[in-house]
């Protein structure tokens, strides 16, 4: 397992919360971050980082956008 940082973004794309997740791969980290965003409807996006490497960014706007992005994966 590998540690990833999820930066949850507010409406101004500023970091509002940081969540650490343990995942076996980048793909799993992206999926879990998008699921986390769906569970936190007050936030507007999420970035996933592996140390200094950005793995994923989901700048979703609104709950409908987040839900459709999550279902697509």
PDB file of N, CA and C in Angstrom:
ATOM      1  N   UNK A   1       0.846  -1.191   0.000  1.00  0.00           N
ATOM      2  CA  UNK A   1       0.000   0.000   0.000  1.00  0.00           C
ATOM      3  C   UNK A   1       0.881   1.241   0.000  1.00  0.00           C
ATOM      4  N   UNK A   2       0.327   2.271  -0.579  1.00  0.00           N
ATOM      5  CA  UNK A   2       1.061   3.514  -0.739  1.00  0.00           C
ATOM      6  C   UNK A   2       0.207   4.659  -0.194  1.00  0.00           C
ATOM      7  N   UNK A   3       0.820   5.647   0.438  1.00  0.00           N
ATOM      8  CA  UNK A   3       0.103   6.799   0.983  1.00  0.00           C
ATOM      9  C   UNK A   3      -0.045   7.892  -0.069  1.00  0.00           C
ATOM     10  N   UNK A   4      -1.261   8.414  -0.199  1.00  0.00           N
ATOM     11  CA  UNK A   4      -1.568   9.520  -1.096  1.00  0.00           C
ATOM     12  C   UNK A   4      -2.240  10.620  -0.279  1.00  0.00           C
ATOM     13  N   UNK A   5      -2.019  11.868  -0.678  1.00  0.00           N
ATOM     14  CA  UNK A   5      -2.696  13.002  -0.062  1.00  0.00           C
ATOM     15  C   UNK A   5      -3.810  13.469  -0.993  1.00  0.00           C
ATOM     16  N   UNK A   6      -4.998  13.633  -0.442  1.00  0.00           N
ATOM     17  CA  UNK A   6      -6.129  14.185  -1.182  1.00  0.00           C
ATOM     18  C   UNK A   6      -6.369  15.599  -0.655  1.00  0.00           C
ATOM     19  N   UNK A   7      -6.234  16.564  -1.535  1.00  0.00           N
ATOM     20  CA  UNK A   7      -6.540  17.945  -1.191  1.00  0.00           C
ATOM     21  C   UNK A   7      -7.956  18.233  -1.679  1.00  0.00           C
ATOM     22  N   UNK A   8      -8.861  18.439  -0.744  1.00  0.00           N
ATOM     23  CA  UNK A   8     -10.249  18.724  -1.075  1.00  0.00           C
ATOM     24  C   UNK A   8     -10.378  20.236  -1.228  1.00  0.00           C
ATOM     25  N   UNK A   9     -10.970  20.664  -2.350  1.00  0.00           N
ATOM     26  CA  UNK A   9     -10.991  22.080  -2.723  1.00  0.00           C
ATOM     27  C   UNK A   9     -12.345  22.719  -2.471  1.00  0.00           C
ATOM     28  N   UNK A  10     -12.296  23.999  -2.073  1.00  0.00           N
ATOM     29  CA  UNK A  10     -13.531  24.754  -1.859  1.00  0.00           C
ATOM     30  C   UNK A  10     -13.973  25.414  -3.173  1.00  0.00           C
ATOM     31  N   UNK A  11     -14.961  26.279  -3.107  1.00  0.00           N
ATOM     32  CA  UNK A  11     -15.500  26.941  -4.288  1.00  0.00           C
ATOM     33  C   UNK A  11     -14.528  27.861  -4.996  1.00  0.00           C
ATOM     34  N   UNK A  12     -13.451  28.245  -4.334  1.00  0.00           N
ATOM     35  CA  UNK A  12     -12.420  29.095  -4.947  1.00  0.00           C
ATOM     36  C   UNK A  12     -11.184  28.293  -5.347  1.00  0.00           C
ATOM     37  N   UNK A  13     -11.329  26.970  -5.365  1.00  0.00           N
ATOM     38  CA  UNK A  13     -10.224  26.047  -5.670  1.00  0.00           C
ATOM     39  C   UNK A  13      -9.058  26.178  -4.704  1.00  0.00           C
ATOM     40  N   UNK A  14      -9.376  26.483  -3.466  1.00  0.00           N
ATOM     41  CA  UNK A  14      -8.372  26.521  -2.400  1.00  0.00           C
ATOM     42  C   UNK A  14      -8.510  25.252  -1.571  1.00  0.00           C
ATOM     43  N   UNK A  15      -7.411  24.816  -0.999  1.00  0.00           N
ATOM     44  CA  UNK A  15      -7.435  23.606  -0.171  1.00  0.00           C
ATOM     45  C   UNK A  15      -8.258  23.880   1.087  1.00  0.00           C
ATOM     46  N   UNK A  16      -9.318  23.098   1.258  1.00  0.00           N
ATOM     47  CA  UNK A  16     -10.198  23.238   2.413  1.00  0.00           C
ATOM     48  C   UNK A  16      -9.992  22.113   3.416  1.00  0.00           C
ATOM     49  N   UNK A  17      -9.482  20.971   2.932  1.00  0.00           N
ATOM     50  CA  UNK A  17      -9.242  19.821   3.808  1.00  0.00           C
ATOM     51  C   UNK A  17      -8.204  18.922   3.153  1.00  0.00           C
ATOM     52  N   UNK A  18      -7.503  18.188   3.982  1.00  0.00           N
ATOM     53  CA  UNK A  18      -6.516  17.220   3.498  1.00  0.00           C
ATOM     54  C   UNK A  18      -6.863  15.863   4.097  1.00  0.00           C
ATOM     55  N   UNK A  19      -6.966  14.885   3.228  1.00  0.00           N
ATOM     56  CA  UNK A  19      -7.254  13.516   3.663  1.00  0.00           C
ATOM     57  C   UNK A  19      -6.137  12.612   3.158  1.00  0.00           C
ATOM     58  N   UNK A  20      -5.650  11.753   4.026  1.00  0.00           N
ATOM     59  CA  UNK A  20      -4.654  10.757   3.638  1.00  0.00           C
ATOM     60  C   UNK A  20      -5.384   9.460   3.326  1.00  0.00           C
ATOM     61  N   UNK A  21      -4.987   8.829   2.209  1.00  0.00           N
ATOM     62  CA  UNK A  21      -5.568   7.533   1.857  1.00  0.00           C
ATOM     63  C   UNK A  21      -4.442   6.561   1.538  1.00  0.00           C
ATOM     64  N   UNK A  22      -4.689   5.294   1.785  1.00  0.00           N
ATOM     65  CA  UNK A  22      -3.742   4.222   1.475  1.00  0.00           C
ATOM     66  C   UNK A  22      -4.314   3.432   0.307  1.00  0.00           C
ATOM     67  N   UNK A  23      -3.560   3.333  -0.772  1.00  0.00           N
ATOM     68  CA  UNK A  23      -4.037   2.642  -1.975  1.00  0.00           C
ATOM     69  C   UNK A  23      -2.902   1.836  -2.589  1.00  0.00           C
ATOM     70  N   UNK A  24      -3.286   0.828  -3.351  1.00  0.00           N
ATOM     71  CA  UNK A  24      -2.305  -0.037  -4.010  1.00  0.00           C
ATOM     72  C   UNK A  24      -1.797   0.556  -5.319  1.00  0.00           C
ATOM     73  N   UNK A  25      -2.564   1.492  -5.918  1.00  0.00           N
ATOM     74  CA  UNK A  25      -2.167   2.041  -7.220  1.00  0.00           C
ATOM     75  C   UNK A  25      -2.714   3.451  -7.403  1.00  0.00           C
ATOM     76  N   UNK A  26      -2.207   4.129  -8.423  1.00  0.00           N
ATOM     77  CA  UNK A  26      -2.716   5.458  -8.774  1.00  0.00           C
ATOM     78  C   UNK A  26      -4.187   5.393  -9.172  1.00  0.00           C
ATOM     79  N   UNK A  27      -4.559   4.353  -9.893  1.00  0.00           N
ATOM     80  CA  UNK A  27      -5.954   4.198 -10.340  1.00  0.00           C
ATOM     81  C   UNK A  27      -6.885   4.099  -9.134  1.00  0.00           C
ATOM     82  N   UNK A  28      -6.505   3.288  -8.171  1.00  0.00           N
ATOM     83  CA  UNK A  28      -7.323   3.161  -6.960  1.00  0.00           C
ATOM     84  C   UNK A  28      -7.393   4.483  -6.213  1.00  0.00           C
ATOM     85  N   UNK A  29      -6.298   5.208  -6.146  1.00  0.00           N
ATOM     86  CA  UNK A  29      -6.281   6.509  -5.466  1.00  0.00           C
ATOM     87  C   UNK A  29      -7.225   7.493  -6.146  1.00  0.00           C
ATOM     88  N   UNK A  30      -7.230   7.526  -7.474  1.00  0.00           N
ATOM     89  CA  UNK A  30      -8.150   8.406  -8.210  1.00  0.00           C
ATOM     90  C   UNK A  30      -9.600   8.039  -7.917  1.00  0.00           C
ATOM     91  N   UNK A  31      -9.908   6.765  -7.941  1.00  0.00           N
ATOM     92  CA  UNK A  31     -11.281   6.318  -7.688  1.00  0.00           C
ATOM     93  C   UNK A  31     -11.736   6.664  -6.275  1.00  0.00           C
ATOM     94  N   UNK A  32     -10.864   6.435  -5.306  1.00  0.00           N
ATOM     95  CA  UNK A  32     -11.231   6.726  -3.915  1.00  0.00           C
ATOM     96  C   UNK A  32     -11.375   8.226  -3.677  1.00  0.00           C
ATOM     97  N   UNK A  33     -10.542   9.028  -4.327  1.00  0.00           N
ATOM     98  CA  UNK A  33     -10.640  10.483  -4.182  1.00  0.00           C
ATOM     99  C   UNK A  33     -11.949  10.991  -4.773  1.00  0.00           C
ATOM    100  N   UNK A  34     -12.331  10.487  -5.933  1.00  0.00           N
ATOM    101  CA  UNK A  34     -13.595  10.897  -6.533  1.00  0.00           C
ATOM    102  C   UNK A  34     -14.774  10.460  -5.671  1.00  0.00           C
ATOM    103  N   UNK A  35     -14.700   9.272  -5.084  1.00  0.00           N
ATOM    104  CA  UNK A  35     -15.748   8.800  -4.180  1.00  0.00           C
ATOM    105  C   UNK A  35     -15.821   9.691  -2.938  1.00  0.00           C
ATOM    106  N   UNK A  36     -14.673  10.094  -2.434  1.00  0.00           N
ATOM    107  CA  UNK A  36     -14.614  10.991  -1.282  1.00  0.00           C
ATOM    108  C   UNK A  36     -15.301  12.314  -1.603  1.00  0.00           C
ATOM    109  N   UNK A  37     -15.072  12.825  -2.798  1.00  0.00           N
ATOM    110  CA  UNK A  37     -15.678  14.083  -3.208  1.00  0.00           C
ATOM    111  C   UNK A  37     -17.200  13.967  -3.292  1.00  0.00           C
ATOM    112  N   UNK A  38     -17.693  12.847  -3.765  1.00  0.00           N
ATOM    113  CA  UNK A  38     -19.137  12.616  -3.831  1.00  0.00           C
ATOM    114  C   UNK A  38     -19.731  12.604  -2.423  1.00  0.00           C
ATOM    115  N   UNK A  39     -18.988  12.063  -1.472  1.00  0.00           N
ATOM    116  CA  UNK A  39     -19.464  11.981  -0.084  1.00  0.00           C
ATOM    117  C   UNK A  39     -19.390  13.323   0.641  1.00  0.00           C
ATOM    118  N   UNK A  40     -18.689  14.282   0.077  1.00  0.00           N
ATOM    119  CA  UNK A  40     -18.510  15.588   0.714  1.00  0.00           C
ATOM    120  C   UNK A  40     -19.070  16.674  -0.206  1.00  0.00           C
ATOM    121  N   UNK A  41     -20.395  16.810  -0.294  1.00  0.00           N
ATOM    122  CA  UNK A  41     -21.011  17.680  -1.293  1.00  0.00           C
ATOM    123  C   UNK A  41     -20.738  19.170  -1.128  1.00  0.00           C
ATOM    124  N   UNK A  42     -20.237  19.604   0.001  1.00  0.00           N
ATOM    125  CA  UNK A  42     -19.953  21.033   0.166  1.00  0.00           C
ATOM    126  C   UNK A  42     -18.650  21.446  -0.510  1.00  0.00           C
ATOM    127  N   UNK A  43     -17.856  20.479  -0.962  1.00  0.00           N
ATOM    128  CA  UNK A  43     -16.588  20.791  -1.608  1.00  0.00           C
ATOM    129  C   UNK A  43     -16.726  20.719  -3.123  1.00  0.00           C
ATOM    130  N   UNK A  44     -15.785  21.338  -3.846  1.00  0.00           N
ATOM    131  CA  UNK A  44     -15.928  21.539  -5.285  1.00  0.00           C
ATOM    132  C   UNK A  44     -14.881  20.837  -6.140  1.00  0.00           C
ATOM    133  N   UNK A  45     -13.944  20.167  -5.552  1.00  0.00           N
ATOM    134  CA  UNK A  45     -12.918  19.490  -6.337  1.00  0.00           C
ATOM    135  C   UNK A  45     -11.962  18.740  -5.427  1.00  0.00           C
ATOM    136  N   UNK A  46     -11.099  17.947  -6.054  1.00  0.00           N
ATOM    137  CA  UNK A  46     -10.116  17.191  -5.288  1.00  0.00           C
ATOM    138  C   UNK A  46      -8.861  16.994  -6.141  1.00  0.00           C
ATOM    139  N   UNK A  47      -7.721  17.080  -5.499  1.00  0.00           N
ATOM    140  CA  UNK A  47      -6.438  16.751  -6.121  1.00  0.00           C
ATOM    141  C   UNK A  47      -5.820  15.613  -5.330  1.00  0.00           C
ATOM    142  N   UNK A  48      -5.150  14.697  -6.042  1.00  0.00           N
ATOM    143  CA  UNK A  48      -4.469  13.579  -5.398  1.00  0.00           C
ATOM    144  C   UNK A  48      -2.984  13.704  -5.701  1.00  0.00           C
ATOM    145  N   UNK A  49      -2.175  13.611  -4.644  1.00  0.00           N
ATOM    146  CA  UNK A  49      -0.726  13.752  -4.779  1.00  0.00           C
ATOM    147  C   UNK A  49      -0.001  12.561  -4.181  1.00  0.00           C
ATOM    148  N   UNK A  50       1.048  12.159  -4.851  1.00  0.00           N
ATOM    149  CA  UNK A  50       1.995  11.161  -4.367  1.00  0.00           C
ATOM    150  C   UNK A  50       3.305  11.913  -4.182  1.00  0.00           C
ATOM    151  N   UNK A  51       3.538  12.341  -2.973  1.00  0.00           N
ATOM    152  CA  UNK A  51       4.677  13.213  -2.656  1.00  0.00           C
ATOM    153  C   UNK A  51       4.615  14.473  -3.515  1.00  0.00           C
ATOM    154  N   UNK A  52       5.556  14.674  -4.436  1.00  0.00           N
ATOM    155  CA  UNK A  52       5.563  15.888  -5.266  1.00  0.00           C
ATOM    156  C   UNK A  52       4.905  15.680  -6.628  1.00  0.00           C
ATOM    157  N   UNK A  53       4.359  14.523  -6.865  1.00  0.00           N
ATOM    158  CA  UNK A  53       3.755  14.192  -8.163  1.00  0.00           C
ATOM    159  C   UNK A  53       2.231  14.242  -8.054  1.00  0.00           C
ATOM    160  N   UNK A  54       1.621  15.104  -8.882  1.00  0.00           N
ATOM    161  CA  UNK A  54       0.166  15.142  -8.905  1.00  0.00           C
ATOM    162  C   UNK A  54      -0.333  13.954  -9.724  1.00  0.00           C
ATOM    163  N   UNK A  55      -1.184  13.162  -9.108  1.00  0.00           N
ATOM    164  CA  UNK A  55      -1.698  11.941  -9.712  1.00  0.00           C
ATOM    165  C   UNK A  55      -3.030  12.204 -10.418  1.00  0.00           C
ATOM    166  N   UNK A  56      -3.839  13.106  -9.862  1.00  0.00           N
ATOM    167  CA  UNK A  56      -5.204  13.282 -10.361  1.00  0.00           C
ATOM    168  C   UNK A  56      -5.738  14.628  -9.917  1.00  0.00           C
ATOM    169  N   UNK A  57      -6.582  15.219 -10.758  1.00  0.00           N
ATOM    170  CA  UNK A  57      -7.337  16.401 -10.357  1.00  0.00           C
ATOM    171  C   UNK A  57      -8.757  16.247 -10.890  1.00  0.00           C
ATOM    172  N   UNK A  58      -9.722  16.525 -10.038  1.00  0.00           N
ATOM    173  CA  UNK A  58     -11.128  16.488 -10.410  1.00  0.00           C
ATOM    174  C   UNK A  58     -11.717  17.833  -9.986  1.00  0.00           C
ATOM    175  N   UNK A  59     -11.811  18.780 -10.928  1.00  0.00           N
ATOM    176  CA  UNK A  59     -12.356  20.102 -10.594  1.00  0.00           C
ATOM    177  C   UNK A  59     -13.878  20.145 -10.742  1.00  0.00           C
ATOM    178  N   UNK A  60     -14.558  19.105 -10.269  1.00  0.00           N
ATOM    179  CA  UNK A  60     -16.012  18.979 -10.437  1.00  0.00           C
ATOM    180  C   UNK A  60     -16.719  20.192  -9.867  1.00  0.00           C
ATOM    181  N   UNK A  61     -17.793  20.569 -10.521  1.00  0.00           N
ATOM    182  CA  UNK A  61     -18.645  21.670 -10.053  1.00  0.00           C
ATOM    183  C   UNK A  61     -20.041  21.132  -9.804  1.00  0.00           C
ATOM    184  N   UNK A  62     -20.530  21.276  -8.590  1.00  0.00           N
ATOM    185  CA  UNK A  62     -21.892  20.858  -8.267  1.00  0.00           C
ATOM    186  C   UNK A  62     -22.013  19.356  -8.074  1.00  0.00           C
ATOM    187  N   UNK A  63     -23.011  18.944  -7.336  1.00  0.00           N
ATOM    188  CA  UNK A  63     -23.196  17.533  -7.001  1.00  0.00           C
ATOM    189  C   UNK A  63     -23.448  16.679  -8.235  1.00  0.00           C
ATOM    190  N   UNK A  64     -24.185  17.173  -9.214  1.00  0.00           N
ATOM    191  CA  UNK A  64     -24.478  16.379 -10.410  1.00  0.00           C
ATOM    192  C   UNK A  64     -23.201  16.066 -11.172  1.00  0.00           C
ATOM    193  N   UNK A  65     -22.302  17.036 -11.280  1.00  0.00           N
ATOM    194  CA  UNK A  65     -21.048  16.806 -11.966  1.00  0.00           C
ATOM    195  C   UNK A  65     -20.190  15.790 -11.256  1.00  0.00           C
ATOM    196  N   UNK A  66     -20.147  15.843  -9.948  1.00  0.00           N
ATOM    197  CA  UNK A  66     -19.368  14.883  -9.184  1.00  0.00           C
ATOM    198  C   UNK A  66     -19.925  13.481  -9.340  1.00  0.00           C
ATOM    199  N   UNK A  67     -21.244  13.351  -9.265  1.00  0.00           N
ATOM    200  CA  UNK A  67     -21.861  12.030  -9.359  1.00  0.00           C
ATOM    201  C   UNK A  67     -21.604  11.413 -10.732  1.00  0.00           C
ATOM    202  N   UNK A  68     -21.710  12.199 -11.796  1.00  0.00           N
ATOM    203  CA  UNK A  68     -21.500  11.638 -13.133  1.00  0.00           C
ATOM    204  C   UNK A  68     -20.052  11.262 -13.337  1.00  0.00           C
ATOM    205  N   UNK A  69     -19.114  12.021 -12.798  1.00  0.00           N
ATOM    206  CA  UNK A  69     -17.706  11.678 -12.923  1.00  0.00           C
ATOM    207  C   UNK A  69     -17.412  10.392 -12.174  1.00  0.00           C
ATOM    208  N   UNK A  70     -18.011  10.216 -11.010  1.00  0.00           N
ATOM    209  CA  UNK A  70     -17.763   9.023 -10.224  1.00  0.00           C
ATOM    210  C   UNK A  70     -18.324   7.795 -10.929  1.00  0.00           C
ATOM    211  N   UNK A  71     -19.507   7.886 -11.495  1.00  0.00           N
ATOM    212  CA  UNK A  71     -20.141   6.756 -12.162  1.00  0.00           C
ATOM    213  C   UNK A  71     -19.369   6.362 -13.422  1.00  0.00           C
ATOM    214  N   UNK A  72     -18.750   7.341 -14.094  1.00  0.00           N
ATOM    215  CA  UNK A  72     -18.031   7.063 -15.336  1.00  0.00           C
ATOM    216  C   UNK A  72     -16.807   6.181 -15.105  1.00  0.00           C
ATOM    217  N   UNK A  73     -16.275   6.171 -13.893  1.00  0.00           N
ATOM    218  CA  UNK A  73     -15.060   5.422 -13.630  1.00  0.00           C
ATOM    219  C   UNK A  73     -15.436   4.090 -13.184  1.00  0.00           C
TER     220      UNK A  73
END
